[in-house]
C-alpha atoms as a PDB file:
ATOM      1  CA  MET A   1      -5.694 -23.291  -5.953  1.00  0.00           C
ATOM      2  CA  GLN A   2      -4.733 -26.925  -5.271  1.00  0.00           C
ATOM      3  CA  LYS A   3      -1.195 -26.179  -6.468  1.00  0.00           C
ATOM      4  CA  PHE A   4      -1.033 -23.243  -4.051  1.00  0.00           C
ATOM      5  CA  LEU A   5      -2.343 -25.335  -1.187  1.00  0.00           C
ATOM      6  CA  ALA A   6       0.121 -28.132  -1.790  1.00  0.00           C
ATOM      7  CA  GLY A   7       3.119 -25.826  -2.211  1.00  0.00           C
ATOM      8  CA  THR A   8       2.253 -23.779   0.814  1.00  0.00           C
ATOM      9  CA  ALA A   9       1.640 -26.839   2.970  1.00  0.00           C
ATOM     10  CA  LEU A  10       5.169 -28.039   2.161  1.00  0.00           C
ATOM     11  CA  ALA A  11       6.618 -24.610   2.942  1.00  0.00           C
ATOM     12  CA  LEU A  12       4.796 -24.476   6.239  1.00  0.00           C
ATOM     13  CA  ALA A  13       5.844 -27.977   7.229  1.00  0.00           C
ATOM     14  CA  ALA A  14       9.454 -27.237   6.373  1.00  0.00           C
ATOM     15  CA  SER A  15       9.432 -24.047   8.470  1.00  0.00           C
ATOM     16  CA  GLY A  16       7.766 -25.738  11.422  1.00  0.00           C
ATOM     17  CA  ALA A  17       4.854 -23.340  11.126  1.00  0.00           C
ATOM     18  CA  LEU A  18       2.033 -25.881  11.271  1.00  0.00           C
ATOM     19  CA  ALA A  19      -0.239 -24.645  14.007  1.00  0.00           C
ATOM     20  CA  GLN A  20      -3.691 -24.632  15.547  1.00  0.00           C
ATOM     21  CA  GLY A  21      -5.520 -21.851  17.353  1.00  0.00           C
ATOM     22  CA  GLN A  22      -6.478 -18.584  15.723  1.00  0.00           C
ATOM     23  CA  VAL A  23      -5.038 -15.324  14.500  1.00  0.00           C
ATOM     24  CA  ASN A  24      -6.830 -11.975  14.044  1.00  0.00           C
ATOM     25  CA  ILE A  25      -5.598  -9.976  11.064  1.00  0.00           C
ATOM     26  CA  ILE A  26      -6.289  -6.503   9.722  1.00  0.00           C
ATOM     27  CA  CYS A  27      -5.563  -6.694   5.986  1.00  0.00           C
ATOM     28  CA  SER A  28      -4.837  -3.499   4.033  1.00  0.00           C
ATOM     29  CA  VAL A  29      -4.287  -4.957   0.548  1.00  0.00           C
ATOM     30  CA  GLN A  30      -6.966  -5.797  -2.008  1.00  0.00           C
ATOM     31  CA  ALA A  31      -9.763  -8.080  -0.801  1.00  0.00           C
ATOM     32  CA  GLU A  32      -8.883 -10.855  -3.246  1.00  0.00           C
ATOM     33  CA  TRP A  33      -5.349 -11.052  -1.852  1.00  0.00           C
ATOM     34  CA  CYS A  34      -6.589 -10.988   1.741  1.00  0.00           C
ATOM     35  CA  ASN A  35      -9.131 -13.731   1.084  1.00  0.00           C
ATOM     36  CA  LEU A  36      -6.743 -16.000  -0.780  1.00  0.00           C
ATOM     37  CA  MET A  37      -4.054 -15.705   1.863  1.00  0.00           C
ATOM     38  CA  SER A  38      -6.557 -16.288   4.649  1.00  0.00           C
ATOM     39  CA  THR A  39      -8.111 -19.340   2.987  1.00  0.00           C
ATOM     40  CA  VAL A  40      -4.815 -21.032   2.165  1.00  0.00           C
ATOM     41  CA  TYR A  41      -3.203 -20.357   5.527  1.00  0.00           C
ATOM     42  CA  SER A  42      -6.254 -21.623   7.377  1.00  0.00           C
ATOM     43  CA  LYS A  43      -6.541 -24.805   5.290  1.00  0.00           C
ATOM     44  CA  THR A  44      -2.870 -25.665   5.442  1.00  0.00           C
ATOM     45  CA  THR A  45      -2.266 -24.984   9.144  1.00  0.00           C
ATOM     46  CA  GLY A  46      -5.613 -25.589  10.836  1.00  0.00           C
ATOM     47  CA  THR A  47      -5.365 -22.075  12.267  1.00  0.00           C
ATOM     48  CA  LYS A  48      -8.581 -20.083  12.273  1.00  0.00           C
ATOM     49  CA  VAL A  49      -7.967 -16.781  10.505  1.00  0.00           C
ATOM     50  CA  ASN A  50     -10.241 -13.846  11.359  1.00  0.00           C
ATOM     51  CA  MET A  51      -9.540 -11.333   8.587  1.00  0.00           C
ATOM     52  CA  THR A  52     -10.827  -7.754   8.504  1.00  0.00           C
ATOM     53  CA  ALA A  53     -10.179  -5.500   5.505  1.00  0.00           C
ATOM     54  CA  LYS A  54      -9.317  -1.865   6.269  1.00  0.00           C
ATOM     55  CA  GLY A  55      -7.329   0.900   4.579  1.00  0.00           C
ATOM     56  CA  SER A  56      -4.028   1.741   6.236  1.00  0.00           C
ATOM     57  CA  GLY A  57      -5.278   4.981   7.824  1.00  0.00           C
ATOM     58  CA  GLU A  58      -8.304   3.207   9.291  1.00  0.00           C
ATOM     59  CA  ALA A  59      -6.136   0.295  10.440  1.00  0.00           C
ATOM     60  CA  LEU A  60      -3.868   2.626  12.388  1.00  0.00           C
ATOM     61  CA  ALA A  61      -6.888   4.335  13.946  1.00  0.00           C
ATOM     62  CA  GLN A  62      -8.237   0.931  15.056  1.00  0.00           C
ATOM     63  CA  LEU A  63      -4.939  -0.090  16.649  1.00  0.00           C
ATOM     64  CA  ASN A  64      -4.899   3.196  18.541  1.00  0.00           C
ATOM     65  CA  ALA A  65      -8.500   2.722  19.658  1.00  0.00           C
ATOM     66  CA  GLU A  66      -7.734  -0.813  20.879  1.00  0.00           C
ATOM     67  CA  LYS A  67      -4.371  -0.141  22.505  1.00  0.00           C
ATOM     68  CA  ALA A  68      -5.584  -0.652  26.092  1.00  0.00           C
ATOM     69  CA  ASN A  69      -7.027  -4.037  25.110  1.00  0.00           C
ATOM     70  CA  PRO A  70      -5.822  -5.147  21.647  1.00  0.00           C
ATOM     71  CA  LYS A  71      -8.119  -7.417  19.632  1.00  0.00           C
ATOM     72  CA  THR A  72      -5.792  -7.646  16.596  1.00  0.00           C
ATOM     73  CA  ASP A  73      -2.682  -9.839  16.210  1.00  0.00           C
ATOM     74  CA  ILE A  74      -1.281  -8.886  12.774  1.00  0.00           C
ATOM     75  CA  TRP A  75      -1.601  -5.910  10.502  1.00  0.00           C
ATOM     76  CA  PHE A  76      -0.761  -6.992   6.947  1.00  0.00           C
ATOM     77  CA  GLY A  77      -0.095  -4.655   4.043  1.00  0.00           C
ATOM     78  CA  GLY A  78      -0.929  -1.062   3.316  1.00  0.00           C
ATOM     79  CA  THR A  79       1.539   1.791   2.961  1.00  0.00           C
ATOM     80  CA  GLY A  80       4.506   1.661   5.280  1.00  0.00           C
ATOM     81  CA  ASP A  81       4.222   5.170   6.777  1.00  0.00           C
ATOM     82  CA  PRO A  82       1.321   4.267   9.105  1.00  0.00           C
ATOM     83  CA  HIS A  83       3.162   1.091  10.119  1.00  0.00           C
ATOM     84  CA  LEU A  84       6.148   3.242  11.122  1.00  0.00           C
ATOM     85  CA  GLN A  85       3.772   5.472  13.079  1.00  0.00           C
ATOM     86  CA  ALA A  86       2.334   2.439  14.875  1.00  0.00           C
ATOM     87  CA  ALA A  87       5.881   1.371  15.745  1.00  0.00           C
ATOM     88  CA  GLU A  88       6.752   4.847  17.024  1.00  0.00           C
ATOM     89  CA  GLN A  89       3.608   4.871  19.184  1.00  0.00           C
ATOM     90  CA  GLY A  90       4.474   1.523  20.766  1.00  0.00           C
ATOM     91  CA  LEU A  91       1.514  -0.283  19.211  1.00  0.00           C
ATOM     92  CA  THR A  92       3.539  -3.033  17.554  1.00  0.00           C
ATOM     93  CA  LEU A  93       5.949  -5.694  18.749  1.00  0.00           C
ATOM     94  CA  GLU A  94       9.675  -5.793  18.164  1.00  0.00           C
ATOM     95  CA  TYR A  95      10.393  -9.001  16.247  1.00  0.00           C
ATOM     96  CA  LYS A  96      13.220 -10.016  13.922  1.00  0.00           C
ATOM     97  CA  SER A  97      12.141 -12.488  11.276  1.00  0.00           C
ATOM     98  CA  GLN A  98      14.194 -15.512  10.302  1.00  0.00           C
ATOM     99  CA  GLN A  99      13.625 -14.380   6.706  1.00  0.00           C
ATOM    100  CA  LEU A 100      15.221 -10.909   6.986  1.00  0.00           C
ATOM    101  CA  THR A 101      18.426 -11.763   5.106  1.00  0.00           C
ATOM    102  CA  GLN A 102      16.343 -13.005   2.141  1.00  0.00           C
ATOM    103  CA  LEU A 103      14.568  -9.661   1.750  1.00  0.00           C
ATOM    104  CA  TYR A 104      15.430  -6.738  -0.536  1.00  0.00           C
ATOM    105  CA  PRO A 105      17.362  -3.875   1.117  1.00  0.00           C
ATOM    106  CA  TRP A 106      14.297  -1.596   1.092  1.00  0.00           C
ATOM    107  CA  ALA A 107      12.357  -4.187   3.113  1.00  0.00           C
ATOM    108  CA  GLN A 108      15.206  -4.637   5.574  1.00  0.00           C
ATOM    109  CA  LYS A 109      15.550  -0.852   5.929  1.00  0.00           C
ATOM    110  CA  GLN A 110      11.848  -0.595   6.814  1.00  0.00           C
ATOM    111  CA  ALA A 111      12.474  -3.099   9.617  1.00  0.00           C
ATOM    112  CA  ALA A 112      15.577  -1.241  10.832  1.00  0.00           C
ATOM    113  CA  ASP A 113      13.843   2.184  10.711  1.00  0.00           C
ATOM    114  CA  SER A 114      11.072   0.841  12.939  1.00  0.00           C
ATOM    115  CA  LYS A 115      13.484  -0.841  15.394  1.00  0.00           C
ATOM    116  CA  TYR A 116      12.134  -4.129  14.010  1.00  0.00           C
ATOM    117  CA  ARG A 117       8.501  -3.369  14.816  1.00  0.00           C
ATOM    118  CA  THR A 118       7.479  -3.693  11.149  1.00  0.00           C
ATOM    119  CA  VAL A 119       8.934  -5.116   7.940  1.00  0.00           C
ATOM    120  CA  GLY A 120       8.532  -4.514   4.200  1.00  0.00           C
ATOM    121  CA  VAL A 121       6.407  -7.051   2.323  1.00  0.00           C
ATOM    122  CA  TYR A 122       6.147  -5.356  -1.092  1.00  0.00           C
ATOM    123  CA  LEU A 123       7.159  -2.255  -3.075  1.00  0.00           C
ATOM    124  CA  GLY A 124       4.748  -0.174  -5.123  1.00  0.00           C
ATOM    125  CA  PRO A 125       5.617   3.087  -6.952  1.00  0.00           C
ATOM    126  CA  LEU A 126       3.136   5.957  -7.149  1.00  0.00           C
ATOM    127  CA  GLY A 127       1.898   7.216 -10.496  1.00  0.00           C
ATOM    128  CA  PHE A 128      -1.177   7.754 -12.611  1.00  0.00           C
ATOM    129  CA  GLY A 129      -3.880   5.585 -14.076  1.00  0.00           C
ATOM    130  CA  TYR A 130      -5.923   6.764 -17.044  1.00  0.00           C
ATOM    131  CA  ASN A 131      -8.838   5.572 -19.153  1.00  0.00           C
ATOM    132  CA  LYS A 132      -7.540   5.138 -22.700  1.00  0.00           C
ATOM    133  CA  GLU A 133     -11.003   5.349 -24.283  1.00  0.00           C
ATOM    134  CA  LEU A 134     -11.932   8.609 -22.549  1.00  0.00           C
ATOM    135  CA  LEU A 135      -8.594  10.173 -23.504  1.00  0.00           C
ATOM    136  CA  ALA A 136      -9.036   9.130 -27.133  1.00  0.00           C
ATOM    137  CA  LYS A 137     -12.626  10.422 -27.214  1.00  0.00           C
ATOM    138  CA  ARG A 138     -11.484  13.803 -25.926  1.00  0.00           C
ATOM    139  CA  LYS A 139      -8.280  13.800 -28.009  1.00  0.00           C
ATOM    140  CA  LEU A 140      -6.104  14.175 -24.913  1.00  0.00           C
ATOM    141  CA  ASN A 141      -2.620  12.842 -24.261  1.00  0.00           C
ATOM    142  CA  PRO A 142      -2.019  10.669 -21.178  1.00  0.00           C
ATOM    143  CA  PRO A 143      -0.455  12.580 -18.289  1.00  0.00           C
ATOM    144  CA  GLN A 144       3.288  11.961 -18.003  1.00  0.00           C
ATOM    145  CA  SER A 145       4.189  14.426 -15.259  1.00  0.00           C
ATOM    146  CA  TRP A 146       2.839  16.035 -12.112  1.00  0.00           C
ATOM    147  CA  ALA A 147       2.599  19.260 -14.137  1.00  0.00           C
ATOM    148  CA  ASP A 148       0.307  17.584 -16.682  1.00  0.00           C
ATOM    149  CA  LEU A 149      -2.389  17.026 -14.049  1.00  0.00           C
ATOM    150  CA  LEU A 150      -2.822  20.817 -13.749  1.00  0.00           C
ATOM    151  CA  LYS A 151      -3.850  21.250 -17.401  1.00  0.00           C
ATOM    152  CA  PRO A 152      -7.263  22.895 -17.898  1.00  0.00           C
ATOM    153  CA  GLU A 153      -8.501  19.957 -19.985  1.00  0.00           C
ATOM    154  CA  PHE A 154      -8.370  17.789 -16.855  1.00  0.00           C
ATOM    155  CA  LYS A 155     -10.711  20.027 -14.858  1.00  0.00           C
ATOM    156  CA  GLY A 156     -13.013  17.716 -12.892  1.00  0.00           C
ATOM    157  CA  GLU A 157     -11.423  14.683 -14.521  1.00  0.00           C
ATOM    158  CA  VAL A 158      -8.927  13.563 -11.846  1.00  0.00           C
ATOM    159  CA  GLN A 159      -9.550  11.527  -8.715  1.00  0.00           C
ATOM    160  CA  MET A 160      -7.243  10.990  -5.751  1.00  0.00           C
ATOM    161  CA  ALA A 161      -7.896   9.648  -2.275  1.00  0.00           C
ATOM    162  CA  ASN A 162      -8.187  11.594   0.953  1.00  0.00           C
ATOM    163  CA  PRO A 163      -4.862  11.489   2.829  1.00  0.00           C
ATOM    164  CA  ALA A 164      -6.627  11.314   6.192  1.00  0.00           C
ATOM    165  CA  SER A 165      -7.901   7.817   5.330  1.00  0.00           C
ATOM    166  CA  SER A 166      -5.556   6.688   2.571  1.00  0.00           C
ATOM    167  CA  GLY A 167      -1.878   5.867   2.622  1.00  0.00           C
ATOM    168  CA  THR A 168      -1.782   6.292  -1.165  1.00  0.00           C
ATOM    169  CA  ALA A 169      -2.762   9.951  -0.919  1.00  0.00           C
ATOM    170  CA  TYR A 170      -0.441  10.637   2.004  1.00  0.00           C
ATOM    171  CA  THR A 171       2.411   9.123  -0.028  1.00  0.00           C
ATOM    172  CA  MET A 172       1.523  11.553  -2.814  1.00  0.00           C
ATOM    173  CA  ILE A 173       1.702  14.599  -0.494  1.00  0.00           C
ATOM    174  CA  ALA A 174       4.963  13.447   1.101  1.00  0.00           C
ATOM    175  CA  THR A 175       6.403  12.771  -2.374  1.00  0.00           C
ATOM    176  CA  LEU A 176       5.493  16.240  -3.668  1.00  0.00           C
ATOM    177  CA  VAL A 177       6.979  17.888  -0.556  1.00  0.00           C
ATOM    178  CA  GLN A 178      10.241  16.020  -1.115  1.00  0.00           C
ATOM    179  CA  ILE A 179      10.364  16.894  -4.826  1.00  0.00           C
ATOM    180  CA  MET A 180       9.211  20.523  -4.714  1.00  0.00           C
ATOM    181  CA  GLY A 181       9.675  21.705  -1.142  1.00  0.00           C
ATOM    182  CA  GLU A 182       6.674  22.166   1.139  1.00  0.00           C
ATOM    183  CA  GLU A 183       5.464  25.619   0.025  1.00  0.00           C
ATOM    184  CA  LYS A 184       5.557  24.805  -3.673  1.00  0.00           C
ATOM    185  CA  ALA A 185       4.001  21.371  -3.039  1.00  0.00           C
ATOM    186  CA  PHE A 186       0.987  22.980  -1.356  1.00  0.00           C
ATOM    187  CA  GLU A 187       0.746  25.586  -4.107  1.00  0.00           C
ATOM    188  CA  TYR A 188       0.623  22.642  -6.506  1.00  0.00           C
ATOM    189  CA  LEU A 189      -2.073  20.833  -4.475  1.00  0.00           C
ATOM    190  CA  LYS A 190      -4.194  24.004  -4.379  1.00  0.00           C
ATOM    191  CA  ALA A 191      -3.804  24.397  -8.149  1.00  0.00           C
ATOM    192  CA  LEU A 192      -4.774  20.747  -8.611  1.00  0.00           C
ATOM    193  CA  HIS A 193      -7.917  21.048  -6.475  1.00  0.00           C
ATOM    194  CA  PRO A 194     -10.228  22.339  -9.284  1.00  0.00           C
ATOM    195  CA  ASN A 195      -9.246  19.335 -11.419  1.00  0.00           C
ATOM    196  CA  ILE A 196     -10.215  16.850  -8.666  1.00  0.00           C
ATOM    197  CA  SER A 197     -13.736  15.466  -8.988  1.00  0.00           C
ATOM    198  CA  ALA A 198     -13.596  13.455  -5.751  1.00  0.00           C
ATOM    199  CA  TYR A 199     -11.309  12.701  -2.808  1.00  0.00           C
ATOM    200  CA  THR A 200     -12.151   9.063  -2.168  1.00  0.00           C
ATOM    201  CA  ARG A 201     -11.898   7.186   1.101  1.00  0.00           C
ATOM    202  CA  SER A 202      -9.673   4.409  -0.201  1.00  0.00           C
ATOM    203  CA  GLY A 203      -6.531   4.565  -2.327  1.00  0.00           C
ATOM    204  CA  THR A 204      -7.779   2.062  -4.884  1.00  0.00           C
ATOM    205  CA  ALA A 205     -11.160   3.751  -5.525  1.00  0.00           C
ATOM    206  CA  PRO A 206      -9.791   6.343  -8.006  1.00  0.00           C
ATOM    207  CA  VAL A 207      -8.283   3.761 -10.353  1.00  0.00           C
ATOM    208  CA  LYS A 208     -11.423   1.656 -10.178  1.00  0.00           C
ATOM    209  CA  ALA A 209     -13.361   4.756 -11.182  1.00  0.00           C
ATOM    210  CA  ALA A 210     -10.959   5.375 -14.085  1.00  0.00           C
ATOM    211  CA  ALA A 211     -11.263   1.743 -15.191  1.00  0.00           C
ATOM    212  CA  ARG A 212     -15.052   2.045 -15.304  1.00  0.00           C
ATOM    213  CA  GLY A 213     -15.094   5.357 -17.132  1.00  0.00           C
ATOM    214  CA  GLU A 214     -16.233   7.411 -14.116  1.00  0.00           C
ATOM    215  CA  THR A 215     -13.120   9.585 -14.209  1.00  0.00           C
ATOM    216  CA  THR A 216     -10.379  10.085 -16.775  1.00  0.00           C
ATOM    217  CA  VAL A 217      -7.296  10.072 -14.539  1.00  0.00           C
ATOM    218  CA  SER A 218      -6.413   8.673 -11.121  1.00  0.00           C
ATOM    219  CA  VAL A 219      -3.476   9.211  -8.779  1.00  0.00           C
ATOM    220  CA  SER A 220      -2.669   5.614  -7.891  1.00  0.00           C
ATOM    221  CA  PHE A 221      -0.018   3.082  -7.166  1.00  0.00           C
ATOM    222  CA  VAL A 222       0.823   1.762 -10.612  1.00  0.00           C
ATOM    223  CA  HIS A 223       0.383  -1.899  -9.636  1.00  0.00           C
ATOM    224  CA  ASP A 224      -3.311  -1.153  -9.013  1.00  0.00           C
ATOM    225  CA  VAL A 225      -3.593   0.105 -12.581  1.00  0.00           C
ATOM    226  CA  THR A 226      -2.007  -3.113 -13.874  1.00  0.00           C
ATOM    227  CA  THR A 227      -4.605  -5.121 -11.955  1.00  0.00           C
ATOM    228  CA  GLU A 228      -7.463  -3.270 -13.678  1.00  0.00           C
ATOM    229  CA  ALA A 229      -5.793  -3.726 -17.080  1.00  0.00           C
ATOM    230  CA  VAL A 230      -5.366  -7.472 -16.494  1.00  0.00           C
ATOM    231  CA  ASN A 231      -9.044  -7.617 -15.585  1.00  0.00           C
ATOM    232  CA  GLY A 232      -9.872  -6.264 -19.045  1.00  0.00           C
ATOM    233  CA  PHE A 233     -10.432  -2.566 -18.419  1.00  0.00           C
ATOM    234  CA  PRO A 234      -9.062   0.032 -20.875  1.00  0.00           C
ATOM    235  CA  VAL A 235      -6.479   1.619 -18.568  1.00  0.00           C
ATOM    236  CA  GLY A 236      -2.851   2.580 -18.841  1.00  0.00           C
ATOM    237  CA  SER A 237      -0.318   3.912 -16.354  1.00  0.00           C
ATOM    238  CA  ALA A 238       2.595   6.312 -16.129  1.00  0.00           C
ATOM    239  CA  THR A 239       5.037   7.446 -13.478  1.00  0.00           C
ATOM    240  CA  PRO A 240       5.752  11.213 -13.257  1.00  0.00           C
ATOM    241  CA  SER A 241       8.805  12.429 -15.123  1.00  0.00           C
ATOM    242  CA  GLU A 242       9.770  14.799 -12.281  1.00  0.00           C
ATOM    243  CA  GLY A 243      10.142  11.788 -10.004  1.00  0.00           C
ATOM    244  CA  THR A 244       7.895   9.797  -7.712  1.00  0.00           C
ATOM    245  CA  GLY A 245       7.795   8.002  -4.391  1.00  0.00           C
ATOM    246  CA  ALA A 246       6.889   4.424  -3.595  1.00  0.00           C
ATOM    247  CA  GLU A 247       5.122   2.671  -0.810  1.00  0.00           C
ATOM    248  CA  VAL A 248       6.907  -0.025   1.117  1.00  0.00           C
ATOM    249  CA  GLY A 249       3.871  -2.099   1.993  1.00  0.00           C
ATOM    250  CA  SER A 250       4.519  -3.476   5.447  1.00  0.00           C
ATOM    251  CA  MET A 251       3.472  -6.006   8.077  1.00  0.00           C
ATOM    252  CA  SER A 252       3.440  -5.620  11.855  1.00  0.00           C
ATOM    253  CA  ILE A 253       2.684  -7.774  14.892  1.00  0.00           C
ATOM    254  CA  VAL A 254       0.396  -5.993  17.354  1.00  0.00           C
ATOM    255  CA  LYS A 255       1.855  -5.583  20.813  1.00  0.00           C
ATOM    256  CA  ASN A 256      -0.085  -7.478  23.508  1.00  0.00           C
ATOM    257  CA  GLY A 257      -2.398  -9.021  20.926  1.00  0.00           C
ATOM    258  CA  PRO A 258      -4.482 -12.018  22.033  1.00  0.00           C
ATOM    259  CA  ASN A 259      -2.574 -14.596  19.913  1.00  0.00           C
ATOM    260  CA  THR A 260       1.031 -13.426  19.718  1.00  0.00           C
ATOM    261  CA  GLU A 261       2.643 -16.830  19.099  1.00  0.00           C
ATOM    262  CA  ALA A 262       0.193 -17.571  16.301  1.00  0.00           C
ATOM    263  CA  ALA A 263       0.904 -14.087  14.929  1.00  0.00           C
ATOM    264  CA  LYS A 264       4.653 -14.793  14.779  1.00  0.00           C
ATOM    265  CA  LYS A 265       4.030 -17.974  12.787  1.00  0.00           C
ATOM    266  CA  PHE A 266       1.820 -16.167  10.284  1.00  0.00           C
ATOM    267  CA  TYR A 267       4.405 -13.342  10.031  1.00  0.00           C
ATOM    268  CA  GLU A 268       7.205 -15.811   9.252  1.00  0.00           C
ATOM    269  CA  TRP A 269       5.086 -17.580   6.645  1.00  0.00           C
ATOM    270  CA  ALA A 270       4.054 -14.303   4.973  1.00  0.00           C
ATOM    271  CA  LEU A 271       7.724 -13.454   4.334  1.00  0.00           C
ATOM    272  CA  THR A 272       8.618 -16.778   2.709  1.00  0.00           C
ATOM    273  CA  PRO A 273       8.561 -17.185  -1.093  1.00  0.00           C
ATOM    274  CA  GLY A 274       5.539 -19.454  -0.663  1.00  0.00           C
ATOM    275  CA  GLY A 275       3.706 -16.914   1.477  1.00  0.00           C
ATOM    276  CA  GLN A 276       4.458 -14.121  -1.003  1.00  0.00           C
ATOM    277  CA  GLN A 277       2.882 -15.751  -4.042  1.00  0.00           C
ATOM    278  CA  PHE A 278      -0.684 -14.760  -3.230  1.00  0.00           C
ATOM    279  CA  GLY A 279      -0.493 -11.171  -4.394  1.00  0.00           C
ATOM    280  CA  LEU A 280       0.231 -12.292  -7.919  1.00  0.00           C
ATOM    281  CA  ALA A 281      -2.318 -15.126  -7.629  1.00  0.00           C
ATOM    282  CA  ALA A 282      -4.891 -12.452  -6.817  1.00  0.00           C
ATOM    283  CA  LYS A 283      -3.783 -10.355  -9.842  1.00  0.00           C
ATOM    284  CA  GLN A 284      -1.845  -7.887  -7.699  1.00  0.00           C
ATOM    285  CA  PHE A 285       1.460  -6.704  -9.123  1.00  0.00           C
ATOM    286  CA  GLN A 286       3.489  -5.192  -6.301  1.00  0.00           C
ATOM    287  CA  LEU A 287       7.118  -6.319  -6.141  1.00  0.00           C
ATOM    288  CA  PRO A 288       7.383  -8.914  -3.313  1.00  0.00           C
ATOM    289  CA  SER A 289      10.058  -8.282  -0.695  1.00  0.00           C
ATOM    290  CA  ASN A 290      11.585 -11.775  -0.729  1.00  0.00           C
ATOM    291  CA  THR A 291      14.346 -11.890  -3.320  1.00  0.00           C
ATOM    292  CA  GLN A 292      13.615 -15.550  -4.045  1.00  0.00           C
ATOM    293  CA  VAL A 293      10.155 -14.829  -5.488  1.00  0.00           C
ATOM    294  CA  PRO A 294      10.308 -14.880  -9.320  1.00  0.00           C
ATOM    295  CA  ARG A 295       9.424 -11.466 -10.797  1.00  0.00           C
ATOM    296  CA  ASP A 296       6.429 -11.508 -13.104  1.00  0.00           C
ATOM    297  CA  PRO A 297       7.090  -9.351 -16.225  1.00  0.00           C
ATOM    298  CA  ARG A 298       3.930  -7.332 -15.478  1.00  0.00           C
ATOM    299  CA  MET A 299       5.350  -6.262 -12.131  1.00  0.00           C
ATOM    300  CA  THR A 300       6.845  -2.851 -11.596  1.00  0.00           C
ATOM    301  CA  ASP A 301      10.549  -2.486 -12.446  1.00  0.00           C
ATOM    302  CA  PRO A 302      11.941   0.284 -10.201  1.00  0.00           C
ATOM    303  CA  ALA A 303      14.933   0.630 -12.557  1.00  0.00           C
ATOM    304  CA  LYS A 304      12.646   1.970 -15.321  1.00  0.00           C
ATOM    305  CA  MET A 305      11.344   5.008 -13.474  1.00  0.00           C
ATOM    306  CA  LYS A 306      12.662   8.036 -11.600  1.00  0.00           C
ATOM    307  CA  LEU A 307      12.221   7.046  -7.967  1.00  0.00           C
ATOM    308  CA  ILE A 308      13.127   9.639  -5.366  1.00  0.00           C
ATOM    309  CA  ASN A 309      15.117   8.769  -2.250  1.00  0.00           C
ATOM    310  CA  TYR A 310      11.926   8.803  -0.152  1.00  0.00           C
ATOM    311  CA  ASP A 311      12.576   9.557   3.522  1.00  0.00           C
ATOM    312  CA  TYR A 312      10.403   6.863   5.115  1.00  0.00           C
ATOM    313  CA  ALA A 313      11.596   7.575   8.657  1.00  0.00           C
ATOM    314  CA  LYS A 314      10.744  11.304   8.495  1.00  0.00           C
ATOM    315  CA  TYR A 315       7.430  11.019   6.668  1.00  0.00           C
ATOM    316  CA  GLY A 316       6.440   7.944   8.619  1.00  0.00           C
ATOM    317  CA  ALA A 317       6.576   9.900  11.892  1.00  0.00           C
ATOM    318  CA  SER A 318       3.199  10.559  13.497  1.00  0.00           C
ATOM    319  CA  ALA A 319       3.723  14.265  14.070  1.00  0.00           C
ATOM    320  CA  GLU A 320       4.811  14.896  10.474  1.00  0.00           C
ATOM    321  CA  ARG A 321       1.863  12.950   9.071  1.00  0.00           C
ATOM    322  CA  ARG A 322      -0.635  14.776  11.282  1.00  0.00           C
ATOM    323  CA  ARG A 323       0.896  18.148  10.400  1.00  0.00           C
ATOM    324  CA  LEU A 324       0.855  17.580   6.617  1.00  0.00           C
ATOM    325  CA  ILE A 325      -2.678  16.157   6.621  1.00  0.00           C
ATOM    326  CA  ALA A 326      -3.958  19.042   8.760  1.00  0.00           C
ATOM    327  CA  ARG A 327      -2.355  21.526   6.394  1.00  0.00           C
ATOM    328  CA  TRP A 328      -3.895  19.763   3.388  1.00  0.00           C
ATOM    329  CA  GLU A 329      -7.350  19.817   5.007  1.00  0.00           C
ATOM    330  CA  LYS A 330      -7.039  23.529   5.848  1.00  0.00           C
ATOM    331  CA  ASP A 331      -5.287  24.844   2.754  1.00  0.00           C
ATOM    332  CA  VAL A 332      -6.639  22.535   0.063  1.00  0.00           C
ATOM    333  CA  GLN A 333      -9.748  20.535   0.957  1.00  0.00           C
ATOM    334  CA  ASN A 334     -11.538  23.267   2.939  1.00  0.00           C
ATOM    335  CA  ALA A 335     -10.087  26.348   1.224  1.00  0.00           C
ATOM    336  CA  GLY A 336     -12.759  28.812   0.185  1.00  0.00           C
ATOM    337  CA  ARG A 337     -15.521  27.244   2.241  1.00  0.00           C
END
């Protein structure tokens, strides 16, 4: 921690970001990452950080609820689709970072697609997590494709999140629609339903359940599976052979927030190589958006999987998200009730 504090203090001093005051942040990454970032930024700048952890769907709902009188300054992390929706709805501020040219093209595209009302901070492909011990006990092979999840032996053994509250699950639906076409994607989701034991509120809950032996398979971002493995749990991961999507985890400044200048300073810092080290420090393995951050070998390598050309602009639009979630609730979640 001392090494982090010292390195970050130097980075902040060099960027002129040393500040006082306070900044109110909704954080949609894992709690350990949120807490480490908050602690270091506060100690090195003197800025009071008020950090609230919420999933990306809940974060967007809060920004909408507060829009007449915003209480939040920054929304950090979580899948990029809801950030694009916030931009479309005028909830976030247009701002071009000084760091943009240092970012990977996918992060810059996220900024351009939103008219610079959000920016990519990390990349995380969607895939599966599985409990190796449970598979071995039941003499099952790990799933390697979307089709594998439909096998009868996985009845009641798969968990995914609820797309109404989870960006992970919405990314799954949007991915399947882009791979299969909408009608076949919903046929698939209906066929998958009997194999789902629970639709969790958060996107990370299914892989935590798999890690602890409460379910055999999870639909998860693969970096979350790596985190559980590094923490000593018997889990492995795979990305579907038919192709998969990826989240562009994003960051946005809230329009008319109470501490906009402090928000801009945090935003700049969070895009620097120094500001992007805390995911890995918290055992999170998304690929950071700044090209100057050294890649840990445990991080995802997009070149080693079949990533689709995910249409972030289309599937990040509010109307499309509402429509697909409503159809999922009607045709899948509530079918037969």
